[in-house]
């Protein structure tokens, strides 16, 4: 049956203090769900996709864009860039969705993230009963399994390997824990309980002699008094004005960030894909699969499935993406779970539905999140004329995975497919020369 697919790339707490340009980019990333859509689905997006891009993507998926209804609700309090609750309150948009539910015989809702208003919408449109695991997310499960604090409790209780750390709502306890590590020469990472892609992380160290990857902020503290003053000043940001606890862990410099995604259903937990995160210093794309995976990667896959089984026993159904690091001394340590679509779920969908074959073994995907595409038609012609465009015969080349990430409607992201990492990185270099951007 068909689904109501909602491209709510981010939810409320993540939208604070975001520039208009970043807000637009985030909203445009909802288009990633085009690659996960099926004929007959209804896709709700914050921004209308470029018609050329929609035809291009659905064509690569093997069906006409006319087989996919796209709904763009009226803009809300934050403008047109992102989906917020108030964009679904008008009678016109709700009546239109009810009509599509009837006409397309929709039976479930599948969002990026089960935010509170998505749950309300599912109930109001009569889609709650057909949505797997809805009872769990409707009782706050979506918040529970996207919490870094809850993750540490579940991980510790089930024996999952995690970094040394604490969960606390006390700035005094935070100072004590941080100073114990810092004075012994170990940097720390402070994490907001609910944020994504390193945007809610800060690294604290006593010297500048570390490469602070995985955090939007880095602070050098020279003593306990300076540490206490810094934590007091940053506490409202750490805790979202005391709404959530803070997670503090030892920061293991030189570790390789990896992640995996698992599809959880009533009957099974199936690993959907995995890869390495590229940090500059926060997430700037991914490499699929993990290149030159060390022996500890086998442990990662075992623990990945075990954690998904735990989430399944709690009542969660759907995709989950789970983060970990491979440490310089050969260990695998887990960082968090996210009961939602991942930022790279669309790349795995492209792998299965476009690249095909055993793509996790015989191909390498490199994601580039900043491409200076012009208007879509000229961009596609330039890509084709350069010989870089994806070729289904060789199963290599560049796929425009998202289009319109800039406020003028240009720019976008790329899924670059090579026979191996070196080939994919060479394609990326040529792509960057063809469509230069401000990003490296």
Protein backbone atom coordinates (compact mmCIF):
# COMPACT_ATOMS: atom_id res chain seq x y z
CA UNK A 1 0.00 0.00 0.00
CA UNK A 2 0.99 3.64 -0.41
CA UNK A 3 2.34 5.93 2.31
CA UNK A 4 2.27 9.54 3.40
CA UNK A 5 6.00 10.34 3.40
CA UNK A 6 6.96 13.50 5.30
CA UNK A 7 10.29 15.23 4.70
CA UNK A 8 10.61 16.89 8.11
CA UNK A 9 14.40 16.80 8.02
CA UNK A 10 14.67 18.34 11.51
CA UNK A 11 12.34 18.82 14.45
CA UNK A 12 11.68 21.81 16.69
CA UNK A 13 14.61 21.86 19.17
CA UNK A 14 17.15 21.78 16.32
CA UNK A 15 15.82 24.96 14.67
CA UNK A 16 17.06 27.42 17.28
CA UNK A 17 19.77 29.90 16.27
CA UNK A 18 20.05 28.61 12.68
CA UNK A 19 20.88 31.15 9.99
CA UNK A 20 18.36 31.64 7.14
CA UNK A 21 20.84 30.02 4.73
CA UNK A 22 21.27 26.94 6.93
CA UNK A 23 17.51 26.76 7.49
CA UNK A 24 16.95 26.70 3.73
CA UNK A 25 19.66 24.07 3.20
CA UNK A 26 18.09 21.92 5.91
CA UNK A 27 14.64 22.22 4.37
CA UNK A 28 15.94 21.31 0.93
CA UNK A 29 17.45 18.14 2.39
CA UNK A 30 13.91 16.86 2.83
CA UNK A 31 14.18 16.04 -0.89
CA UNK A 32 16.34 13.08 0.11
CA UNK A 33 13.10 11.22 0.69
CA UNK A 34 12.35 11.34 -3.05
CA UNK A 35 14.87 8.47 -3.32
CA UNK A 36 12.91 6.50 -0.71
CA UNK A 37 9.49 7.10 -2.29
CA UNK A 38 7.46 4.59 -4.27
CA UNK A 39 4.82 5.08 -6.98
CA UNK A 40 1.52 6.07 -5.38
CA UNK A 41 3.11 7.67 -2.31
CA UNK A 42 2.28 11.21 -1.26
CA UNK A 43 5.42 13.18 -0.38
CA UNK A 44 5.14 16.23 1.90
CA UNK A 45 8.06 18.66 1.58
CA UNK A 46 8.88 22.07 2.98
CA UNK A 47 10.08 23.32 -0.41
CA UNK A 48 8.76 22.38 -3.82
CA UNK A 49 11.41 20.35 -5.68
CA UNK A 50 12.65 21.61 -9.01
CA UNK A 51 10.50 19.84 -11.65
CA UNK A 52 13.61 18.83 -13.57
CA UNK A 53 15.18 17.30 -10.48
CA UNK A 54 11.99 15.42 -9.57
CA UNK A 55 11.75 13.96 -13.09
CA UNK A 56 15.46 13.07 -13.00
CA UNK A 57 15.28 11.29 -9.63
CA UNK A 58 12.07 9.36 -10.26
CA UNK A 59 13.33 8.45 -13.72
CA UNK A 60 16.45 6.90 -12.19
CA UNK A 61 14.17 5.02 -9.80
CA UNK A 62 12.20 3.65 -12.72
CA UNK A 63 8.89 5.49 -12.48
CA UNK A 64 7.48 8.76 -13.77
CA UNK A 65 7.35 11.75 -11.47
CA UNK A 66 3.61 11.92 -12.13
CA UNK A 67 3.28 8.75 -10.05
CA UNK A 68 4.29 10.68 -6.94
CA UNK A 69 2.08 13.40 -5.42
CA UNK A 70 4.09 16.22 -3.81
CA UNK A 71 2.41 18.46 -1.24
CA UNK A 72 3.99 21.71 -0.02
CA UNK A 73 1.99 23.20 2.88
CA UNK A 74 1.64 27.00 3.24
CA UNK A 75 4.64 28.57 4.94
CA UNK A 76 4.63 28.90 8.71
CA UNK A 77 6.21 31.03 11.43
CA UNK A 78 9.73 30.11 10.31
CA UNK A 79 8.94 30.79 6.66
CA UNK A 80 8.92 28.31 3.78
CA UNK A 81 12.20 26.51 4.46
CA UNK A 82 11.24 23.89 7.07
CA UNK A 83 8.17 21.96 8.14
CA UNK A 84 6.68 23.11 11.45
CA UNK A 85 3.45 22.33 13.26
CA UNK A 86 1.68 25.50 12.12
CA UNK A 87 2.05 24.52 8.46
CA UNK A 88 -0.48 21.71 9.02
CA UNK A 89 -3.18 23.63 10.89
CA UNK A 90 -5.10 25.19 8.01
CA UNK A 91 -8.31 23.58 6.76
CA UNK A 92 -7.15 23.72 3.15
CA UNK A 93 -3.99 21.67 3.67
CA UNK A 94 -5.74 19.16 5.96
CA UNK A 95 -8.68 18.73 3.59
CA UNK A 96 -6.24 18.25 0.73
CA UNK A 97 -4.35 15.56 2.63
CA UNK A 98 -7.58 13.78 3.59
CA UNK A 99 -8.57 13.73 -0.08
CA UNK A 100 -5.22 12.24 -1.08
CA UNK A 101 -5.46 9.63 1.69
CA UNK A 102 -8.77 8.49 0.19
CA UNK A 103 -7.79 8.74 -3.47
CA UNK A 104 -4.37 7.13 -3.12
CA UNK A 105 -5.55 4.67 -0.46
CA UNK A 106 -2.75 5.63 1.87
CA UNK A 107 -2.45 3.35 4.89
CA UNK A 108 0.58 4.61 6.84
CA UNK A 109 2.77 7.61 7.57
CA UNK A 110 6.57 7.53 7.22
CA UNK A 111 8.38 10.72 8.23
CA UNK A 112 12.03 11.58 8.68
CA UNK A 113 11.16 11.95 12.37
CA UNK A 114 8.03 11.20 14.43
CA UNK A 115 7.65 14.67 15.91
CA UNK A 116 4.58 15.45 18.02
CA UNK A 117 2.71 17.15 15.19
CA UNK A 118 3.42 14.21 12.86
CA UNK A 119 1.83 11.87 15.39
CA UNK A 120 -1.19 14.18 15.63
CA UNK A 121 -1.43 14.31 11.85
CA UNK A 122 -1.30 10.50 11.59
CA UNK A 123 -4.18 10.17 14.05
CA UNK A 124 -6.20 12.90 12.36
CA UNK A 125 -5.79 11.36 8.90
CA UNK A 126 -6.65 7.84 10.09
CA UNK A 127 -3.14 6.50 9.42
CA UNK A 128 -2.14 5.59 12.98
CA UNK A 129 -3.42 2.02 12.83
CA UNK A 130 -1.49 1.14 9.68
CA UNK A 131 1.80 2.72 10.78
CA UNK A 132 4.16 0.08 12.27
CA UNK A 133 5.11 0.85 15.87
CA UNK A 134 2.91 3.92 16.06
CA UNK A 135 1.71 3.17 19.59
CA UNK A 136 5.31 3.41 20.82
CA UNK A 137 6.19 6.73 19.17
CA UNK A 138 2.79 8.19 20.06
CA UNK A 139 3.58 7.75 23.76
CA UNK A 140 6.88 9.63 23.57
CA UNK A 141 9.01 6.81 22.19
CA UNK A 142 10.32 9.11 19.45
CA UNK A 143 11.84 11.34 22.14
CA UNK A 144 13.10 8.41 24.21
CA UNK A 145 15.12 6.79 21.43
CA UNK A 146 16.59 10.03 20.13
CA UNK A 147 18.05 10.96 23.51
CA UNK A 148 21.80 10.63 24.10
CA UNK A 149 21.13 10.36 27.84
CA UNK A 150 18.72 7.46 27.35
CA UNK A 151 21.19 5.85 24.97
CA UNK A 152 23.92 5.79 27.63
CA UNK A 153 21.53 4.17 30.12
CA UNK A 154 20.41 1.51 27.63
CA UNK A 155 23.95 0.90 26.40
CA UNK A 156 25.37 0.57 29.92
CA UNK A 157 22.53 -1.72 30.97
CA UNK A 158 23.00 -4.06 28.01
CA UNK A 159 26.80 -4.17 28.07
CA UNK A 160 27.39 -2.11 24.94
CA UNK A 161 30.92 -0.62 24.81
CA UNK A 162 30.75 3.16 25.32
CA UNK A 163 33.26 5.92 26.19
CA UNK A 164 33.80 6.87 29.83
CA UNK A 165 31.18 9.49 30.61
CA UNK A 166 28.29 10.81 32.68
CA UNK A 167 24.77 12.11 32.25
CA UNK A 168 24.00 15.03 34.52
CA UNK A 169 21.71 17.98 35.16
CA UNK A 170 24.16 19.52 37.62
CA UNK A 171 26.79 22.03 36.43
CA UNK A 172 28.82 21.24 39.56
CA UNK A 173 28.95 17.54 38.68
CA UNK A 174 29.86 18.49 35.12
CA UNK A 175 32.81 20.54 36.35
CA UNK A 176 34.00 17.70 38.61
CA UNK A 177 33.87 15.09 35.85
CA UNK A 178 35.44 17.32 33.18
CA UNK A 179 38.27 18.43 35.45
CA UNK A 180 39.10 14.87 36.48
CA UNK A 181 39.69 14.03 32.81
CA UNK A 182 41.29 17.31 31.75
CA UNK A 183 43.88 17.37 34.51
CA UNK A 184 44.99 13.89 33.47
CA UNK A 185 45.50 15.09 29.90
CA UNK A 186 42.27 13.68 28.44
CA UNK A 187 40.00 16.07 26.52
CA UNK A 188 36.21 15.83 26.87
CA UNK A 189 33.24 16.28 24.60
CA UNK A 190 30.05 17.88 25.93
CA UNK A 191 26.87 16.93 24.06
CA UNK A 192 23.43 18.43 23.97
CA UNK A 193 20.99 15.63 24.64
CA UNK A 194 19.12 16.14 21.35
CA UNK A 195 20.88 17.50 18.33
CA UNK A 196 22.38 16.09 15.16
CA UNK A 197 25.54 16.00 13.02
CA UNK A 198 27.81 17.42 15.75
CA UNK A 199 25.96 20.74 15.87
CA UNK A 200 25.18 20.27 19.58
CA UNK A 201 28.69 19.20 20.62
CA UNK A 202 31.58 21.07 22.19
CA UNK A 203 35.11 19.80 22.85
CA UNK A 204 37.04 21.00 25.90
CA UNK A 205 40.80 20.57 26.13
CA UNK A 206 43.75 22.11 27.98
CA UNK A 207 45.80 22.63 24.81
CA UNK A 208 45.21 23.26 21.12
CA UNK A 209 47.19 20.16 20.19
CA UNK A 210 44.19 18.06 19.15
CA UNK A 211 42.14 17.90 15.99
CA UNK A 212 38.61 18.70 17.31
CA UNK A 213 36.45 16.66 14.95
CA UNK A 214 32.78 15.94 15.57
CA UNK A 215 31.89 19.19 17.33
CA UNK A 216 30.80 22.64 16.23
CA UNK A 217 32.76 24.26 19.08
CA UNK A 218 36.17 23.84 20.72
CA UNK A 219 37.21 25.59 23.94
CA UNK A 220 40.66 25.57 25.56
CA UNK A 221 40.50 25.77 29.38
CA UNK A 222 43.64 26.32 31.39
CA UNK A 223 42.44 25.54 34.92
CA UNK A 224 39.53 24.46 37.08
CA UNK A 225 38.32 28.02 37.71
CA UNK A 226 38.30 28.78 34.00
CA UNK A 227 36.46 25.49 33.37
CA UNK A 228 33.80 26.30 35.98
CA UNK A 229 33.27 29.75 34.49
CA UNK A 230 32.97 28.38 30.98
CA UNK A 231 30.49 25.65 31.95
CA UNK A 232 28.37 28.16 33.90
CA UNK A 233 28.24 30.45 30.87
CA UNK A 234 27.45 27.62 28.45
CA UNK A 235 25.01 25.71 30.66
CA UNK A 236 21.84 27.18 29.09
CA UNK A 237 23.12 26.10 25.66
CA UNK A 238 24.26 22.67 26.85
CA UNK A 239 20.86 21.93 28.42
CA UNK A 240 18.53 23.83 26.07
CA UNK A 241 17.68 26.18 28.97
CA UNK A 242 17.59 23.30 31.49
CA UNK A 243 15.08 21.33 29.43
CA UNK A 244 17.37 18.29 29.03
CA UNK A 245 20.36 16.76 30.86
CA UNK A 246 23.81 17.01 29.34
CA UNK A 247 26.03 14.13 28.24
CA UNK A 248 29.78 14.39 28.86
CA UNK A 249 32.29 11.84 27.59
CA UNK A 250 35.99 11.40 27.15
CA UNK A 251 36.97 12.68 23.71
CA UNK A 252 39.12 10.08 21.98
CA UNK A 253 41.22 12.05 19.51
CA UNK A 254 42.18 10.23 16.33
CA UNK A 255 39.13 7.97 16.33
CA UNK A 256 37.30 7.15 13.09
CA UNK A 257 33.57 8.01 13.21
CA UNK A 258 31.35 5.31 11.71
CA UNK A 259 27.65 4.52 11.73
CA UNK A 260 25.17 1.90 10.67
CA UNK A 261 21.47 1.84 9.83
CA UNK A 262 19.08 -0.96 10.69
CA UNK A 263 15.51 -1.60 9.53
CA UNK A 264 13.44 -2.83 12.48
CA UNK A 265 10.18 -4.66 11.81
CA UNK A 266 7.85 -6.94 13.74
CA UNK A 267 9.78 -9.97 12.56
CA UNK A 268 13.39 -8.92 12.07
CA UNK A 269 16.24 -6.47 12.43
CA UNK A 270 18.10 -6.08 9.13
CA UNK A 271 21.28 -4.06 8.72
CA UNK A 272 20.48 -1.56 5.97
CA UNK A 273 23.96 -0.12 5.46
CA UNK A 274 27.03 1.37 7.10
CA UNK A 275 29.89 3.74 6.44
CA UNK A 276 32.39 6.33 7.65
CA UNK A 277 31.50 9.94 8.46
CA UNK A 278 33.64 12.71 6.99
CA UNK A 279 34.17 15.46 9.57
CA UNK A 280 35.22 19.06 8.68
CA UNK A 281 34.94 19.49 11.71
CA UNK A 282 31.28 18.34 11.80
CA UNK A 283 29.54 16.05 9.34
CA UNK A 284 30.39 17.00 5.76
CA UNK A 285 29.33 13.84 4.00
CA UNK A 286 30.02 10.13 4.23
CA UNK A 287 31.91 7.27 2.64
CA UNK A 288 30.04 3.98 2.06
CA UNK A 289 31.13 1.37 3.09
CA UNK A 290 33.81 1.87 5.77
CA UNK A 291 37.12 1.97 3.86
CA UNK A 292 39.90 -0.35 5.03
CA UNK A 293 37.72 -1.59 7.88
CA UNK A 294 39.85 -2.90 10.77
CA UNK A 295 39.10 -6.18 12.62
CA UNK A 296 37.09 -4.26 15.24
CA UNK A 297 34.49 -3.50 12.55
CA UNK A 298 33.16 -7.04 12.88
CA UNK A 299 32.42 -6.29 16.55
CA UNK A 300 30.63 -3.13 15.46
CA UNK A 301 28.21 -5.10 13.27
CA UNK A 302 27.49 -7.58 16.07
CA UNK A 303 26.76 -4.83 18.59
CA UNK A 304 24.80 -2.83 16.00
CA UNK A 305 22.32 -5.64 15.51
CA UNK A 306 22.14 -6.36 19.24
CA UNK A 307 21.22 -2.76 19.99
CA UNK A 308 18.57 -2.82 17.26
CA UNK A 309 17.09 -5.95 18.85
CA UNK A 310 16.88 -4.05 22.16
CA UNK A 311 15.08 -1.17 20.44
CA UNK A 312 12.71 -3.63 18.80
CA UNK A 313 11.89 -5.22 22.16
CA UNK A 314 11.02 -1.74 23.47
CA UNK A 315 8.42 -1.38 20.72
CA UNK A 316 10.20 0.68 18.07
CA UNK A 317 9.59 -0.08 14.39
CA UNK A 318 11.26 1.61 11.45
CA UNK A 319 14.76 2.75 10.55
CA UNK A 320 17.38 3.55 13.15
CA UNK A 321 20.87 4.93 12.66
CA UNK A 322 23.50 4.25 15.30
CA UNK A 323 26.84 6.05 15.72
CA UNK A 324 30.16 4.68 16.96
CA UNK A 325 33.90 5.29 16.70
CA UNK A 326 36.85 3.07 15.94
CA UNK A 327 39.52 4.13 18.42
CA UNK A 328 43.26 4.36 17.64
CA UNK A 329 43.91 1.42 19.98
CA UNK A 330 41.53 -0.85 18.05
CA UNK A 331 38.31 -0.68 20.07
CA UNK A 332 34.77 0.08 18.90
CA UNK A 333 32.79 2.42 21.17
CA UNK A 334 29.17 3.45 20.60
CA UNK A 335 27.95 7.04 20.93
CA UNK A 336 24.21 7.29 20.29
CA UNK A 337 21.14 5.92 18.60
CA UNK A 338 18.60 7.83 16.53
CA UNK A 339 15.19 6.27 15.97
CA UNK A 340 14.56 8.02 12.66
CA UNK A 341 15.66 8.18 9.07
CA UNK A 342 19.37 8.91 8.90
CA UNK A 343 21.09 11.70 7.02
CA UNK A 344 22.34 9.06 4.59
CA UNK A 345 19.33 6.76 4.32
CA UNK A 346 18.74 8.09 0.81
CA UNK A 347 22.25 6.98 -0.21
CA UNK A 348 21.49 3.41 0.85
CA UNK A 349 18.21 3.67 -1.09
CA UNK A 350 20.16 4.84 -4.15
CA UNK A 351 22.54 1.93 -3.60
CA UNK A 352 19.74 -0.63 -3.55
CA UNK A 353 17.44 0.91 -6.17
CA UNK A 354 19.80 2.57 -8.67
CA UNK A 355 23.31 1.09 -8.32
CA UNK A 356 22.10 -2.40 -7.50
CA UNK A 357 24.16 -5.55 -7.31
CA UNK A 358 26.26 -6.08 -4.21
CA UNK A 359 27.02 -2.35 -4.02
CA UNK A 360 28.28 -2.47 -0.42
CA UNK A 361 31.05 -4.80 -1.58
CA UNK A 362 31.84 -3.88 -5.17
CA UNK A 363 31.25 -0.11 -5.20
CA UNK A 364 32.21 2.90 -3.09
CA UNK A 365 29.92 5.89 -2.51
CA UNK A 366 31.33 9.27 -1.55
CA UNK A 367 28.82 11.96 -0.57
CA UNK A 368 29.55 15.64 -1.28
CA UNK A 369 27.16 18.02 0.49
CA UNK A 370 28.17 21.29 -1.17
CA UNK A 371 28.04 21.46 -4.97
CA UNK A 372 27.78 24.73 -6.86
CA UNK A 373 25.17 23.55 -9.36
CA UNK A 374 23.61 26.29 -11.56
CA UNK A 375 20.01 25.92 -12.84
CA UNK A 376 19.12 22.23 -12.96
CA UNK A 377 18.93 21.81 -16.73
CA UNK A 378 22.35 23.36 -17.42
CA UNK A 379 23.82 21.48 -14.44
CA UNK A 380 22.64 18.12 -15.77
CA UNK A 381 23.84 18.93 -19.29
CA UNK A 382 27.26 19.95 -17.96
CA UNK A 383 27.47 16.80 -15.87
CA UNK A 384 26.58 14.64 -18.86
CA UNK A 385 28.86 16.52 -21.26
CA UNK A 386 31.82 16.14 -18.91
CA UNK A 387 31.40 12.39 -18.79
CA UNK A 388 30.84 12.50 -15.02
CA UNK A 389 27.13 11.64 -14.98
CA UNK A 390 26.15 8.28 -13.54
CA UNK A 391 26.27 5.48 -16.13
CA UNK A 392 24.07 2.46 -15.31
CA UNK A 393 26.21 0.26 -17.57
CA UNK A 394 29.37 0.78 -15.51
CA UNK A 395 27.46 1.52 -12.27
CA UNK A 396 29.76 4.51 -11.69
CA UNK A 397 29.48 8.28 -11.89
CA UNK A 398 27.82 11.25 -10.23
CA UNK A 399 24.16 11.34 -9.16
CA UNK A 400 22.59 14.66 -8.15
CA UNK A 401 21.04 13.50 -4.89
CA UNK A 402 19.59 16.83 -3.70
CA UNK A 403 19.01 20.03 -5.67
CA UNK A 404 18.22 23.58 -4.58
CA UNK A 405 20.03 23.88 -1.25
CA UNK A 406 20.81 27.57 -1.79
CA UNK A 407 18.24 30.27 -1.20
CA UNK A 408 18.27 31.21 -4.90
CA UNK A 409 17.18 27.67 -5.76
CA UNK A 410 20.56 26.45 -7.04
CA UNK A 411 23.27 24.28 -5.45
CA UNK A 412 22.86 20.82 -4.06
CA UNK A 413 24.45 17.54 -3.02
CA UNK A 414 26.04 14.64 -4.87
CA UNK A 415 26.23 10.86 -4.58
CA UNK A 416 29.50 9.87 -6.24
CA UNK A 417 29.89 6.21 -7.18
CA UNK A 418 33.26 4.61 -7.97
CA UNK A 419 34.60 1.10 -8.27
CA UNK A 420 36.71 1.88 -5.20
CA UNK A 421 37.51 4.80 -2.89
CA UNK A 422 40.34 6.18 -5.02
CA UNK A 423 38.12 6.22 -8.11
CA UNK A 424 35.26 7.88 -6.24
CA UNK A 425 37.57 10.54 -4.79
CA UNK A 426 38.94 11.30 -8.27
CA UNK A 427 35.37 11.76 -9.53
CA UNK A 428 34.73 14.08 -6.59
CA UNK A 429 37.79 16.18 -7.48
CA UNK A 430 36.56 16.55 -11.07
CA UNK A 431 33.05 17.37 -9.85
CA UNK A 432 34.41 20.11 -7.57
CA UNK A 433 36.26 21.64 -10.51
CA UNK A 434 33.11 21.51 -12.69
CA UNK A 435 30.82 22.98 -10.01
CA UNK A 436 33.00 24.91 -7.54
CA UNK A 437 31.54 26.02 -4.22
CA UNK A 438 32.74 27.84 -1.12
CA UNK A 439 33.06 24.52 0.75
CA UNK A 440 36.23 22.38 0.50
